[in-house]
Amino acid sequence: YLGGWLSIILGAKRMFAGSLLLSSIATLGICSIYLTDGVSFYLALFFRIIIGFTHGPLFPATYTFWSKWAVPSERSTLTAI
């Protein structure tokens, strides 16, 4: 519910872009951990938790995005796709 509320307050495009940016940075962090010799389980776990928290608002932001940008007769089709 927090992700949907934030996407209404901050804007769906900003919420979507911010979530994807943080998720991408955390994914690069995981990749850099595994490419080095010092594989830290707890650091990888931390990055996976960050990825989970940043993917959470993506689904509600998509609905907020389509509710403002899509034609009313096409909204249900676009959200289903």
C-alpha atoms as a PDB file:
ATOM      1  CA  TYR A   1       0.000   0.000   0.000  1.00  0.00           C
ATOM      2  CA  LEU A   2       2.906   2.342   0.658  1.00  0.00           C
ATOM      3  CA  GLY A   3       4.194   2.013  -2.904  1.00  0.00           C
ATOM      4  CA  GLY A   4       0.821   2.975  -4.372  1.00  0.00           C
ATOM      5  CA  TRP A   5       0.474   5.924  -2.026  1.00  0.00           C
ATOM      6  CA  LEU A   6       3.977   7.141  -2.840  1.00  0.00           C
ATOM      7  CA  SER A   7       3.387   6.768  -6.565  1.00  0.00           C
ATOM      8  CA  ILE A   8       0.311   9.001  -6.258  1.00  0.00           C
ATOM      9  CA  ILE A   9       2.121  11.593  -4.142  1.00  0.00           C
ATOM     10  CA  LEU A  10       5.501  11.631  -5.921  1.00  0.00           C
ATOM     11  CA  GLY A  11       4.275  10.673  -9.371  1.00  0.00           C
ATOM     12  CA  ALA A  12       4.245   7.320 -11.090  1.00  0.00           C
ATOM     13  CA  LYS A  13       7.124   8.100 -13.456  1.00  0.00           C
ATOM     14  CA  ARG A  14       9.425   9.248 -10.648  1.00  0.00           C
ATOM     15  CA  MET A  15       8.517   6.278  -8.460  1.00  0.00           C
ATOM     16  CA  PHE A  16       9.016   3.821 -11.302  1.00  0.00           C
ATOM     17  CA  ALA A  17      12.339   5.367 -12.355  1.00  0.00           C
ATOM     18  CA  GLY A  18      13.620   5.624  -8.786  1.00  0.00           C
ATOM     19  CA  SER A  19      12.701   2.045  -7.984  1.00  0.00           C
ATOM     20  CA  LEU A  20      14.382   0.733 -11.117  1.00  0.00           C
ATOM     21  CA  LEU A  21      17.473   2.859 -10.481  1.00  0.00           C
ATOM     22  CA  LEU A  22      17.925   1.615  -6.910  1.00  0.00           C
ATOM     23  CA  SER A  23      17.253  -1.950  -7.988  1.00  0.00           C
ATOM     24  CA  SER A  24      19.837  -1.693 -10.767  1.00  0.00           C
ATOM     25  CA  ILE A  25      22.441  -0.276  -8.396  1.00  0.00           C
ATOM     26  CA  ALA A  26      21.805  -3.113  -5.913  1.00  0.00           C
ATOM     27  CA  THR A  27      22.056  -5.672  -8.726  1.00  0.00           C
ATOM     28  CA  LEU A  28      25.402  -4.215  -9.772  1.00  0.00           C
ATOM     29  CA  GLY A  29      26.466  -4.446  -6.131  1.00  0.00           C
ATOM     30  CA  ILE A  30      25.644  -8.152  -6.083  1.00  0.00           C
ATOM     31  CA  CYS A  31      27.531  -8.663  -9.348  1.00  0.00           C
ATOM     32  CA  SER A  32      30.582  -6.878  -7.973  1.00  0.00           C
ATOM     33  CA  ILE A  33      30.503  -9.056  -4.840  1.00  0.00           C
ATOM     34  CA  TYR A  34      30.526 -12.268  -6.849  1.00  0.00           C
ATOM     35  CA  LEU A  35      33.234 -11.059  -9.231  1.00  0.00           C
ATOM     36  CA  THR A  36      35.650 -10.392  -6.381  1.00  0.00           C
ATOM     37  CA  ASP A  37      37.235 -13.014  -4.201  1.00  0.00           C
ATOM     38  CA  GLY A  38      35.644 -11.805  -0.969  1.00  0.00           C
ATOM     39  CA  VAL A  39      32.134 -13.172  -1.309  1.00  0.00           C
ATOM     40  CA  SER A  40      30.198 -11.831   1.638  1.00  0.00           C
ATOM     41  CA  PHE A  41      26.924 -13.625   2.291  1.00  0.00           C
ATOM     42  CA  TYR A  42      25.554 -10.840   4.472  1.00  0.00           C
ATOM     43  CA  LEU A  43      26.350  -8.118   1.959  1.00  0.00           C
ATOM     44  CA  ALA A  44      24.706 -10.134  -0.812  1.00  0.00           C
ATOM     45  CA  LEU A  45      21.693 -10.695   1.447  1.00  0.00           C
ATOM     46  CA  PHE A  46      21.517  -6.956   2.137  1.00  0.00           C
ATOM     47  CA  PHE A  47      21.516  -6.182  -1.587  1.00  0.00           C
ATOM     48  CA  ARG A  48      18.800  -8.799  -2.207  1.00  0.00           C
ATOM     49  CA  ILE A  49      16.646  -7.202   0.489  1.00  0.00           C
ATOM     50  CA  ILE A  50      17.152  -3.790  -1.141  1.00  0.00           C
ATOM     51  CA  ILE A  51      16.117  -5.282  -4.493  1.00  0.00           C
ATOM     52  CA  GLY A  52      12.974  -6.721  -2.911  1.00  0.00           C
ATOM     53  CA  PHE A  53      12.022  -3.407  -1.314  1.00  0.00           C
ATOM     54  CA  THR A  54      12.579  -1.507  -4.544  1.00  0.00           C
ATOM     55  CA  HIS A  55      10.598  -3.977  -6.665  1.00  0.00           C
ATOM     56  CA  GLY A  56       7.617  -3.688  -4.328  1.00  0.00           C
ATOM     57  CA  PRO A  57       6.445  -0.237  -5.505  1.00  0.00           C
ATOM     58  CA  LEU A  58       6.799  -1.111  -9.209  1.00  0.00           C
ATOM     59  CA  PHE A  59       3.467  -2.920  -9.449  1.00  0.00           C
ATOM     60  CA  PRO A  60       1.345  -0.162  -7.825  1.00  0.00           C
ATOM     61  CA  ALA A  61       3.250   2.509  -9.780  1.00  0.00           C
ATOM     62  CA  THR A  62       2.290   0.733 -12.998  1.00  0.00           C
ATOM     63  CA  TYR A  63      -1.393   0.950 -12.084  1.00  0.00           C
ATOM     64  CA  THR A  64      -1.036   4.620 -11.137  1.00  0.00           C
ATOM     65  CA  PHE A  65       0.769   5.276 -14.390  1.00  0.00           C
ATOM     66  CA  TRP A  66      -1.913   3.648 -16.523  1.00  0.00           C
ATOM     67  CA  SER A  67      -4.755   5.263 -14.573  1.00  0.00           C
ATOM     68  CA  LYS A  68      -3.497   8.692 -15.631  1.00  0.00           C
ATOM     69  CA  TRP A  69      -2.130   8.007 -19.117  1.00  0.00           C
ATOM     70  CA  ALA A  70      -4.384   5.390 -20.678  1.00  0.00           C
ATOM     71  CA  VAL A  71      -7.695   5.954 -22.403  1.00  0.00           C
ATOM     72  CA  PRO A  72     -10.500   4.814 -20.037  1.00  0.00           C
ATOM     73  CA  SER A  73     -11.705   2.108 -22.421  1.00  0.00           C
ATOM     74  CA  GLU A  74      -8.173   0.663 -22.754  1.00  0.00           C
ATOM     75  CA  ARG A  75      -7.093   0.721 -19.081  1.00  0.00           C
ATOM     76  CA  SER A  76      -8.123  -2.808 -18.188  1.00  0.00           C
ATOM     77  CA  THR A  77      -6.425  -4.237 -21.274  1.00  0.00           C
ATOM     78  CA  LEU A  78      -3.187  -2.348 -20.657  1.00  0.00           C
ATOM     79  CA  THR A  79      -2.972  -3.288 -16.992  1.00  0.00           C
ATOM     80  CA  ALA A  80      -3.685  -6.912 -17.829  1.00  0.00           C
ATOM     81  CA  ILE A  81      -0.850  -7.005 -20.362  1.00  0.00           C
END
